Amino acid sequence: MAIRLGDVLAAGGAGETCLILDPPAAGADGRVLELILGAGPAEIVYVSCDPATLARDLEILCRATYKLRSVTPLDMFPQTAEIEVVAHLTIEGK
């Protein structure tokens, strides 16, 4: 049985939901971002392995609804150019 993001967000009470988003290096698909913006989870923890696509997606999320609370880079693979970044977003005004 496939579980779909839209179903989970609709069933969980978006105002009380924290979404953990960990897309591939290409970033979140536009349809996923639209679904998130439509559902409005109270918090998003976005994990990214590509700072450029993270910046692109954060611009979309923060332009509409969310406020960026923190960004934490993590060197998960020492002595390489790879970096993980965790961003915390909340609904603007909360």
N, C-alpha and C. Protein backbone atom coordinates (compact mmCIF):
# COMPACT_ATOMS: atom_id res chain seq x y z
N MET A 1 0.84 -1.18 0.00
CA MET A 1 0.00 0.00 0.00
C MET A 1 0.88 1.24 0.00
N ALA A 2 0.67 2.12 -0.94
CA ALA A 2 1.44 3.36 -1.03
C ALA A 2 0.82 4.41 -0.11
N ILE A 3 1.69 5.09 0.61
CA ILE A 3 1.25 6.19 1.45
C ILE A 3 1.66 7.48 0.76
N ARG A 4 0.72 8.36 0.55
CA ARG A 4 0.97 9.59 -0.18
C ARG A 4 1.05 10.78 0.77
N LEU A 5 1.96 11.70 0.46
CA LEU A 5 2.18 12.87 1.31
C LEU A 5 0.90 13.66 1.53
N GLY A 6 0.13 13.86 0.49
CA GLY A 6 -1.11 14.62 0.62
C GLY A 6 -2.08 13.98 1.60
N ASP A 7 -2.17 12.66 1.56
CA ASP A 7 -3.05 11.95 2.49
C ASP A 7 -2.57 12.09 3.92
N VAL A 8 -1.26 11.99 4.12
CA VAL A 8 -0.70 12.11 5.47
C VAL A 8 -0.94 13.52 6.02
N LEU A 9 -0.68 14.53 5.21
CA LEU A 9 -0.87 15.91 5.66
C LEU A 9 -2.34 16.21 5.95
N ALA A 10 -3.23 15.67 5.13
CA ALA A 10 -4.66 15.90 5.33
C ALA A 10 -5.16 15.22 6.59
N ALA A 11 -4.64 14.05 6.90
CA ALA A 11 -5.12 13.28 8.05
C ALA A 11 -4.51 13.75 9.36
N GLY A 12 -3.34 14.39 9.29
CA GLY A 12 -2.61 14.69 10.51
C GLY A 12 -2.93 16.00 11.19
N GLY A 13 -3.78 16.82 10.64
CA GLY A 13 -4.01 18.13 11.23
C GLY A 13 -2.79 19.02 10.99
N ALA A 14 -2.72 19.66 9.84
CA ALA A 14 -1.53 20.37 9.40
C ALA A 14 -1.01 21.36 10.43
N GLY A 15 -1.89 22.03 11.15
CA GLY A 15 -1.47 23.02 12.14
C GLY A 15 -0.68 22.43 13.29
N GLU A 16 -0.72 21.12 13.44
CA GLU A 16 -0.01 20.45 14.52
C GLU A 16 1.07 19.51 13.99
N THR A 17 1.39 19.62 12.71
CA THR A 17 2.29 18.67 12.07
C THR A 17 3.67 19.27 11.85
N CYS A 18 4.70 18.46 12.10
CA CYS A 18 6.07 18.79 11.73
C CYS A 18 6.46 17.85 10.60
N LEU A 19 6.77 18.40 9.45
CA LEU A 19 7.14 17.62 8.28
C LEU A 19 8.67 17.55 8.19
N ILE A 20 9.20 16.35 8.08
CA ILE A 20 10.63 16.17 7.84
C ILE A 20 10.78 15.85 6.36
N LEU A 21 11.46 16.74 5.66
CA LEU A 21 11.59 16.65 4.21
C LEU A 21 13.06 16.40 3.87
N ASP A 22 13.35 15.31 3.18
CA ASP A 22 14.72 14.94 2.79
C ASP A 22 14.72 14.51 1.33
N PRO A 23 14.64 15.49 0.42
CA PRO A 23 14.56 15.15 -1.01
C PRO A 23 15.93 14.75 -1.57
N PRO A 24 15.94 14.24 -2.81
CA PRO A 24 17.22 13.94 -3.46
C PRO A 24 17.99 15.24 -3.75
N ALA A 25 19.19 15.10 -4.27
CA ALA A 25 20.05 16.27 -4.52
C ALA A 25 19.38 17.30 -5.44
N ALA A 26 18.48 16.87 -6.29
CA ALA A 26 17.78 17.79 -7.20
C ALA A 26 16.80 18.69 -6.46
N GLY A 27 16.56 18.44 -5.18
CA GLY A 27 15.62 19.24 -4.40
C GLY A 27 14.21 18.70 -4.49
N ALA A 28 13.31 19.39 -3.82
CA ALA A 28 11.91 18.98 -3.80
C ALA A 28 11.25 19.30 -5.14
N ASP A 29 10.46 18.39 -5.62
CA ASP A 29 9.70 18.59 -6.84
C ASP A 29 8.71 19.74 -6.62
N GLY A 30 8.43 20.48 -7.66
CA GLY A 30 7.49 21.60 -7.56
C GLY A 30 6.13 21.19 -7.06
N ARG A 31 5.67 20.00 -7.44
CA ARG A 31 4.37 19.51 -6.97
C ARG A 31 4.39 19.24 -5.48
N VAL A 32 5.53 18.77 -4.97
CA VAL A 32 5.66 18.53 -3.53
C VAL A 32 5.60 19.86 -2.78
N LEU A 33 6.31 20.87 -3.28
CA LEU A 33 6.28 22.18 -2.63
C LEU A 33 4.87 22.77 -2.64
N GLU A 34 4.16 22.62 -3.74
CA GLU A 34 2.77 23.09 -3.82
C GLU A 34 1.89 22.38 -2.80
N LEU A 35 2.07 21.07 -2.67
CA LEU A 35 1.30 20.28 -1.72
C LEU A 35 1.58 20.76 -0.28
N ILE A 36 2.85 21.00 0.02
CA ILE A 36 3.24 21.47 1.35
C ILE A 36 2.62 22.84 1.62
N LEU A 37 2.73 23.74 0.67
CA LEU A 37 2.17 25.08 0.85
C LEU A 37 0.65 25.03 1.00
N GLY A 38 0.01 24.12 0.28
CA GLY A 38 -1.44 23.98 0.38
C GLY A 38 -1.89 23.41 1.71
N ALA A 39 -1.11 22.48 2.25
CA ALA A 39 -1.48 21.84 3.50
C ALA A 39 -1.08 22.67 4.72
N GLY A 40 0.05 23.35 4.62
CA GLY A 40 0.49 24.23 5.70
C GLY A 40 0.89 23.55 7.00
N PRO A 41 1.80 22.55 6.96
CA PRO A 41 2.25 22.00 8.24
C PRO A 41 2.89 23.09 9.09
N ALA A 42 2.74 22.99 10.41
CA ALA A 42 3.22 24.04 11.31
C ALA A 42 4.73 24.22 11.25
N GLU A 43 5.46 23.14 11.06
CA GLU A 43 6.92 23.19 11.00
C GLU A 43 7.43 22.29 9.89
N ILE A 44 8.58 22.68 9.35
CA ILE A 44 9.27 21.85 8.37
C ILE A 44 10.73 21.75 8.80
N VAL A 45 11.25 20.54 8.82
CA VAL A 45 12.68 20.31 8.98
C VAL A 45 13.14 19.77 7.64
N TYR A 46 13.92 20.58 6.94
CA TYR A 46 14.35 20.25 5.57
C TYR A 46 15.81 19.84 5.62
N VAL A 47 16.10 18.60 5.21
CA VAL A 47 17.46 18.07 5.17
C VAL A 47 17.89 18.05 3.71
N SER A 48 19.06 18.62 3.43
CA SER A 48 19.51 18.70 2.04
C SER A 48 20.98 18.37 1.91
N CYS A 49 21.34 17.72 0.80
CA CYS A 49 22.73 17.46 0.48
C CYS A 49 23.24 18.41 -0.59
N ASP A 50 22.40 19.36 -1.00
CA ASP A 50 22.80 20.33 -2.03
C ASP A 50 22.34 21.72 -1.61
N PRO A 51 23.26 22.55 -1.11
CA PRO A 51 22.87 23.89 -0.65
C PRO A 51 22.18 24.74 -1.71
N ALA A 52 22.53 24.55 -2.99
CA ALA A 52 21.91 25.35 -4.05
C ALA A 52 20.43 25.02 -4.22
N THR A 53 20.08 23.73 -4.24
CA THR A 53 18.67 23.38 -4.38
C THR A 53 17.90 23.69 -3.09
N LEU A 54 18.57 23.58 -1.95
CA LEU A 54 17.94 23.98 -0.69
C LEU A 54 17.58 25.46 -0.76
N ALA A 55 18.51 26.30 -1.19
CA ALA A 55 18.24 27.74 -1.30
C ALA A 55 17.06 28.02 -2.23
N ARG A 56 17.02 27.32 -3.35
CA ARG A 56 15.91 27.49 -4.30
C ARG A 56 14.58 27.15 -3.65
N ASP A 57 14.52 25.99 -2.96
CA ASP A 57 13.27 25.55 -2.34
C ASP A 57 12.88 26.43 -1.16
N LEU A 58 13.87 26.88 -0.38
CA LEU A 58 13.56 27.77 0.75
C LEU A 58 12.99 29.09 0.26
N GLU A 59 13.49 29.57 -0.87
CA GLU A 59 12.96 30.83 -1.42
C GLU A 59 11.47 30.67 -1.73
N ILE A 60 11.09 29.54 -2.28
CA ILE A 60 9.68 29.29 -2.60
C ILE A 60 8.85 29.19 -1.32
N LEU A 61 9.32 28.42 -0.35
CA LEU A 61 8.56 28.21 0.89
C LEU A 61 8.47 29.50 1.71
N CYS A 62 9.55 30.26 1.76
CA CYS A 62 9.57 31.46 2.60
C CYS A 62 8.87 32.64 1.92
N ARG A 63 8.80 32.65 0.61
CA ARG A 63 8.10 33.72 -0.09
C ARG A 63 6.61 33.66 0.22
N ALA A 64 6.10 32.46 0.38
CA ALA A 64 4.67 32.27 0.54
C ALA A 64 4.22 32.28 2.00
N THR A 65 4.76 31.42 2.81
CA THR A 65 4.15 31.13 4.10
C THR A 65 5.12 31.03 5.26
N TYR A 66 6.30 30.50 5.02
CA TYR A 66 7.18 30.09 6.10
C TYR A 66 8.26 31.12 6.43
N LYS A 67 8.74 31.01 7.66
CA LYS A 67 9.87 31.82 8.11
C LYS A 67 11.02 30.86 8.45
N LEU A 68 12.19 31.19 7.93
CA LEU A 68 13.37 30.38 8.19
C LEU A 68 13.87 30.69 9.60
N ARG A 69 13.91 29.69 10.47
CA ARG A 69 14.33 29.86 11.86
C ARG A 69 15.79 29.55 12.07
N SER A 70 16.32 28.53 11.38
CA SER A 70 17.73 28.20 11.53
C SER A 70 18.20 27.38 10.34
N VAL A 71 19.51 27.45 10.11
CA VAL A 71 20.17 26.64 9.10
C VAL A 71 21.44 26.10 9.74
N THR A 72 21.61 24.78 9.71
CA THR A 72 22.76 24.14 10.35
C THR A 72 23.49 23.26 9.34
N PRO A 73 24.73 23.63 8.98
CA PRO A 73 25.51 22.75 8.11
C PRO A 73 26.13 21.62 8.92
N LEU A 74 26.19 20.44 8.34
CA LEU A 74 26.76 19.28 9.01
C LEU A 74 27.78 18.61 8.08
N ASP A 75 29.00 18.45 8.56
CA ASP A 75 30.04 17.79 7.78
C ASP A 75 29.97 16.30 8.08
N MET A 76 29.10 15.62 7.36
CA MET A 76 28.87 14.20 7.59
C MET A 76 29.95 13.32 6.94
N PHE A 77 30.67 13.88 5.99
CA PHE A 77 31.67 13.12 5.23
C PHE A 77 32.98 13.90 5.23
N PRO A 78 33.73 13.84 6.34
CA PRO A 78 34.97 14.61 6.45
C PRO A 78 35.93 14.35 5.28
N GLN A 79 36.69 15.36 4.94
CA GLN A 79 37.70 15.32 3.89
C GLN A 79 37.09 15.11 2.50
N THR A 80 35.81 15.50 2.35
CA THR A 80 35.17 15.53 1.04
C THR A 80 34.49 16.88 0.89
N ALA A 81 34.02 17.17 -0.30
CA ALA A 81 33.31 18.42 -0.54
C ALA A 81 31.83 18.32 -0.18
N GLU A 82 31.38 17.13 0.22
CA GLU A 82 29.97 16.90 0.54
C GLU A 82 29.60 17.55 1.88
N ILE A 83 28.40 18.12 1.93
CA ILE A 83 27.90 18.73 3.16
C ILE A 83 26.39 18.51 3.23
N GLU A 84 25.90 18.23 4.40
CA GLU A 84 24.46 18.15 4.64
C GLU A 84 24.05 19.45 5.32
N VAL A 85 22.85 19.90 5.04
CA VAL A 85 22.34 21.12 5.65
C VAL A 85 20.94 20.83 6.18
N VAL A 86 20.67 21.27 7.40
CA VAL A 86 19.34 21.11 7.98
C VAL A 86 18.77 22.50 8.22
N ALA A 87 17.59 22.75 7.67
CA ALA A 87 16.90 24.03 7.84
C ALA A 87 15.61 23.79 8.60
N HIS A 88 15.30 24.72 9.52
CA HIS A 88 14.07 24.65 10.31
C HIS A 88 13.19 25.82 9.92
N LEU A 89 11.96 25.54 9.51
CA LEU A 89 11.01 26.56 9.10
C LEU A 89 9.74 26.43 9.93
N THR A 90 9.11 27.55 10.21
CA THR A 90 7.81 27.55 10.86
C THR A 90 6.87 28.48 10.10
N ILE A 91 5.60 28.33 10.35
CA ILE A 91 4.61 29.22 9.74
C ILE A 91 4.91 30.65 10.21
N GLU A 92 4.89 31.59 9.28
CA GLU A 92 5.15 32.99 9.60
C GLU A 92 4.22 33.45 10.72
N GLY A 93 4.79 34.08 11.72
CA GLY A 93 3.99 34.61 12.84
C GLY A 93 3.87 33.66 14.01
N LYS A 94 4.36 32.44 13.90
CA LYS A 94 4.29 31.49 15.01
C LYS A 94 5.63 31.32 15.65
